[in-house]
């Protein structure tokens, strides 16, 4: 569902062992847009609740980082193109 959100700038899923070791890495234009997607009554909020109700994972980690810049491209384009990093 993250790919259908018009605000997400970049996203990739990484799974060392699918359904056991999963990571979603995404870049958003701001905290507000990220939180609106993650915590409103939508599929992501329902998934978070299901994970907690079912004790699917031994650990959870949600982290936010300040992006200072990038090097290289993804698919020939900078994931940060058009973002104001100030």
N, C-alpha and C. Protein backbone atom coordinates (compact mmCIF):
# COMPACT_ATOMS: atom_id res chain seq x y z
N UNK A 1 0.81 -1.20 0.00
CA UNK A 1 0.00 0.00 0.00
C UNK A 1 0.85 1.27 0.00
N UNK A 2 2.09 1.16 0.46
CA UNK A 2 2.94 2.35 0.52
C UNK A 2 3.14 2.95 -0.87
N UNK A 3 3.21 2.10 -1.88
CA UNK A 3 3.42 2.59 -3.24
C UNK A 3 2.25 3.38 -3.80
N UNK A 4 1.08 3.22 -3.21
CA UNK A 4 -0.09 3.96 -3.69
C UNK A 4 -0.22 5.34 -3.05
N UNK A 5 0.59 5.63 -2.05
CA UNK A 5 0.53 6.94 -1.39
C UNK A 5 1.27 7.96 -2.25
N UNK A 6 0.61 9.05 -2.64
CA UNK A 6 1.26 10.03 -3.52
C UNK A 6 2.40 10.79 -2.86
N UNK A 7 2.51 10.72 -1.54
CA UNK A 7 3.55 11.49 -0.83
C UNK A 7 4.88 10.76 -0.71
N UNK A 8 4.89 9.45 -0.81
CA UNK A 8 6.15 8.72 -0.62
C UNK A 8 7.09 9.05 -1.78
N UNK A 9 8.31 9.41 -1.44
CA UNK A 9 9.30 9.81 -2.42
C UNK A 9 10.06 8.59 -2.94
N UNK A 10 10.37 7.67 -2.04
CA UNK A 10 11.14 6.47 -2.38
C UNK A 10 10.78 5.40 -1.37
N UNK A 11 10.71 4.16 -1.84
CA UNK A 11 10.48 3.05 -0.92
C UNK A 11 11.08 1.78 -1.48
N UNK A 12 11.52 0.91 -0.57
CA UNK A 12 12.03 -0.40 -0.94
C UNK A 12 11.79 -1.34 0.24
N UNK A 13 11.38 -2.54 -0.07
CA UNK A 13 11.23 -3.57 0.94
C UNK A 13 12.43 -4.49 0.91
N UNK A 14 12.89 -4.88 2.08
CA UNK A 14 14.04 -5.75 2.19
C UNK A 14 13.64 -6.88 3.13
N UNK A 15 13.78 -8.12 2.71
CA UNK A 15 13.43 -9.24 3.57
C UNK A 15 14.51 -10.30 3.55
N UNK A 16 15.25 -10.40 4.62
CA UNK A 16 16.29 -11.43 4.72
C UNK A 16 15.62 -12.80 4.71
N UNK A 17 14.59 -12.94 5.53
CA UNK A 17 13.75 -14.13 5.56
C UNK A 17 12.31 -13.61 5.55
N UNK A 18 11.63 -13.69 4.42
CA UNK A 18 10.28 -13.11 4.34
C UNK A 18 9.39 -13.60 5.47
N UNK A 19 8.60 -12.69 5.99
CA UNK A 19 7.69 -12.89 7.11
C UNK A 19 8.40 -13.04 8.45
N UNK A 20 9.72 -13.04 8.48
CA UNK A 20 10.44 -13.11 9.75
C UNK A 20 11.35 -11.91 9.95
N UNK A 21 12.18 -11.59 8.97
CA UNK A 21 13.10 -10.46 9.05
C UNK A 21 12.76 -9.51 7.92
N UNK A 22 11.95 -8.52 8.21
CA UNK A 22 11.50 -7.60 7.17
C UNK A 22 11.85 -6.17 7.51
N UNK A 23 12.11 -5.41 6.45
CA UNK A 23 12.38 -3.98 6.60
C UNK A 23 11.71 -3.26 5.45
N UNK A 24 11.10 -2.14 5.75
CA UNK A 24 10.67 -1.22 4.71
C UNK A 24 11.45 0.06 4.94
N UNK A 25 12.15 0.49 3.92
CA UNK A 25 12.88 1.75 3.97
C UNK A 25 12.16 2.71 3.04
N UNK A 26 11.81 3.88 3.56
CA UNK A 26 11.09 4.84 2.73
C UNK A 26 11.55 6.26 3.03
N UNK A 27 11.41 7.11 2.03
CA UNK A 27 11.74 8.53 2.16
C UNK A 27 10.46 9.32 1.92
N UNK A 28 10.17 10.21 2.82
CA UNK A 28 8.96 11.04 2.77
C UNK A 28 9.36 12.51 2.76
N UNK A 29 8.51 13.38 2.22
CA UNK A 29 8.85 14.80 2.21
C UNK A 29 8.85 15.43 3.61
N UNK A 30 8.15 14.81 4.55
CA UNK A 30 8.12 15.34 5.90
C UNK A 30 7.49 14.37 6.89
N UNK A 31 7.63 14.67 8.16
CA UNK A 31 7.10 13.83 9.23
C UNK A 31 5.59 13.72 9.15
N UNK A 32 4.92 14.80 8.82
CA UNK A 32 3.45 14.79 8.76
C UNK A 32 2.94 13.77 7.75
N UNK A 33 3.51 13.77 6.56
CA UNK A 33 3.08 12.84 5.51
C UNK A 33 3.36 11.39 5.90
N UNK A 34 4.51 11.17 6.51
CA UNK A 34 4.86 9.83 6.95
C UNK A 34 3.91 9.33 8.03
N UNK A 35 3.66 10.15 9.02
CA UNK A 35 2.78 9.76 10.12
C UNK A 35 1.35 9.55 9.65
N UNK A 36 0.89 10.38 8.72
CA UNK A 36 -0.47 10.23 8.20
C UNK A 36 -0.63 8.87 7.53
N UNK A 37 0.37 8.45 6.77
CA UNK A 37 0.29 7.14 6.13
C UNK A 37 0.38 6.02 7.17
N UNK A 38 1.31 6.12 8.09
CA UNK A 38 1.60 5.03 9.00
C UNK A 38 0.55 4.83 10.09
N UNK A 39 -0.08 5.90 10.53
CA UNK A 39 -0.90 5.79 11.75
C UNK A 39 -2.39 6.06 11.57
N UNK A 40 -2.83 6.41 10.38
CA UNK A 40 -4.26 6.63 10.20
C UNK A 40 -4.97 5.31 10.00
N UNK A 41 -6.28 5.34 9.96
CA UNK A 41 -7.07 4.12 9.81
C UNK A 41 -6.99 3.60 8.38
N UNK A 42 -5.86 3.05 8.04
CA UNK A 42 -5.65 2.49 6.71
C UNK A 42 -4.97 1.14 6.83
N UNK A 43 -4.54 0.60 5.70
CA UNK A 43 -3.92 -0.73 5.71
C UNK A 43 -2.66 -0.83 6.56
N UNK A 44 -1.84 0.22 6.58
CA UNK A 44 -0.61 0.15 7.38
C UNK A 44 -0.93 0.13 8.87
N UNK A 45 -1.86 0.97 9.30
CA UNK A 45 -2.27 0.98 10.72
C UNK A 45 -2.86 -0.38 11.10
N UNK A 46 -3.64 -0.98 10.21
CA UNK A 46 -4.21 -2.31 10.48
C UNK A 46 -3.12 -3.37 10.56
N UNK A 47 -2.10 -3.26 9.70
CA UNK A 47 -0.98 -4.21 9.74
C UNK A 47 -0.21 -4.09 11.03
N UNK A 48 0.03 -2.86 11.49
CA UNK A 48 0.73 -2.65 12.76
C UNK A 48 -0.04 -3.30 13.90
N UNK A 49 -1.34 -3.10 13.92
CA UNK A 49 -2.18 -3.69 14.97
C UNK A 49 -2.16 -5.21 14.90
N UNK A 50 -2.23 -5.77 13.70
CA UNK A 50 -2.20 -7.22 13.54
C UNK A 50 -0.87 -7.80 14.02
N UNK A 51 0.23 -7.12 13.72
CA UNK A 51 1.55 -7.57 14.17
C UNK A 51 1.59 -7.61 15.69
N UNK A 52 1.08 -6.57 16.31
CA UNK A 52 1.12 -6.52 17.78
C UNK A 52 0.16 -7.51 18.41
N UNK A 53 -1.02 -7.66 17.84
CA UNK A 53 -2.00 -8.61 18.37
C UNK A 53 -1.52 -10.05 18.24
N UNK A 54 -0.82 -10.34 17.14
CA UNK A 54 -0.38 -11.70 16.88
C UNK A 54 1.03 -12.00 17.33
N UNK A 55 1.72 -11.02 17.89
CA UNK A 55 3.12 -11.19 18.33
C UNK A 55 3.95 -11.81 17.22
N UNK A 56 3.88 -11.24 16.02
CA UNK A 56 4.56 -11.80 14.86
C UNK A 56 6.07 -11.68 14.94
N UNK A 57 6.56 -10.62 15.53
CA UNK A 57 7.99 -10.37 15.53
C UNK A 57 8.52 -10.33 16.96
N UNK A 58 9.78 -10.73 17.12
CA UNK A 58 10.44 -10.64 18.41
C UNK A 58 10.80 -9.20 18.73
N UNK A 59 11.08 -8.42 17.67
CA UNK A 59 11.52 -7.03 17.85
C UNK A 59 10.84 -6.14 16.83
N UNK A 60 10.67 -4.89 17.20
CA UNK A 60 10.20 -3.86 16.28
C UNK A 60 11.12 -2.66 16.41
N UNK A 61 11.36 -1.99 15.31
CA UNK A 61 12.15 -0.77 15.34
C UNK A 61 11.60 0.20 14.31
N UNK A 62 11.25 1.36 14.77
CA UNK A 62 10.87 2.45 13.88
C UNK A 62 11.86 3.57 14.14
N UNK A 63 12.53 4.00 13.11
CA UNK A 63 13.55 5.03 13.27
C UNK A 63 13.37 6.09 12.20
N UNK A 64 13.64 7.33 12.58
CA UNK A 64 13.64 8.44 11.62
C UNK A 64 15.04 9.02 11.55
N UNK A 65 15.43 9.38 10.34
CA UNK A 65 16.75 9.94 10.12
C UNK A 65 16.64 11.23 9.34
N UNK A 66 17.55 12.14 9.56
CA UNK A 66 17.65 13.36 8.76
C UNK A 66 18.56 13.06 7.58
N UNK A 67 18.06 13.28 6.39
CA UNK A 67 18.83 13.02 5.18
C UNK A 67 19.68 14.23 4.86
N UNK A 68 20.97 14.01 4.70
CA UNK A 68 21.88 15.10 4.39
C UNK A 68 22.20 15.17 2.90
N UNK A 69 22.04 14.07 2.20
CA UNK A 69 22.33 14.03 0.78
C UNK A 69 22.36 12.60 0.29
N UNK A 70 22.66 12.43 -0.98
CA UNK A 70 22.77 11.09 -1.54
C UNK A 70 23.92 11.04 -2.54
N UNK A 71 24.33 9.84 -2.83
CA UNK A 71 25.36 9.59 -3.82
C UNK A 71 24.84 8.52 -4.76
N UNK A 72 24.92 8.76 -6.06
CA UNK A 72 24.44 7.77 -7.02
C UNK A 72 22.97 7.94 -7.32
N UNK A 73 22.44 6.96 -8.03
CA UNK A 73 21.03 7.02 -8.44
C UNK A 73 20.38 5.67 -8.23
N UNK A 74 19.06 5.67 -8.30
CA UNK A 74 18.26 4.45 -8.27
C UNK A 74 17.41 4.47 -9.52
N UNK A 75 17.67 3.56 -10.42
CA UNK A 75 16.96 3.57 -11.68
C UNK A 75 17.29 4.79 -12.53
N UNK A 76 18.50 5.32 -12.35
CA UNK A 76 18.94 6.47 -13.11
C UNK A 76 18.51 7.83 -12.57
N UNK A 77 17.83 7.82 -11.41
CA UNK A 77 17.33 9.07 -10.83
C UNK A 77 17.71 9.13 -9.35
N UNK A 78 18.02 10.32 -8.87
CA UNK A 78 18.27 10.49 -7.44
C UNK A 78 16.95 10.36 -6.69
N UNK A 79 16.87 9.50 -5.65
CA UNK A 79 15.64 9.41 -4.86
C UNK A 79 15.27 10.74 -4.18
N UNK A 80 16.26 11.63 -4.06
CA UNK A 80 16.00 12.89 -3.36
C UNK A 80 15.67 14.03 -4.31
N UNK A 81 15.61 13.75 -5.59
CA UNK A 81 15.34 14.78 -6.58
C UNK A 81 14.03 15.50 -6.26
N UNK A 82 14.10 16.81 -6.18
CA UNK A 82 12.92 17.62 -5.91
C UNK A 82 12.61 17.86 -4.46
N UNK A 83 13.35 17.22 -3.54
CA UNK A 83 13.12 17.44 -2.11
C UNK A 83 13.91 18.63 -1.61
N UNK A 84 13.34 19.34 -0.67
CA UNK A 84 14.03 20.43 0.00
C UNK A 84 14.64 19.85 1.28
N UNK A 85 15.94 19.69 1.32
CA UNK A 85 16.61 19.09 2.46
C UNK A 85 17.04 20.10 3.52
N UNK A 86 16.60 21.29 3.41
CA UNK A 86 17.00 22.33 4.37
C UNK A 86 16.26 22.19 5.66
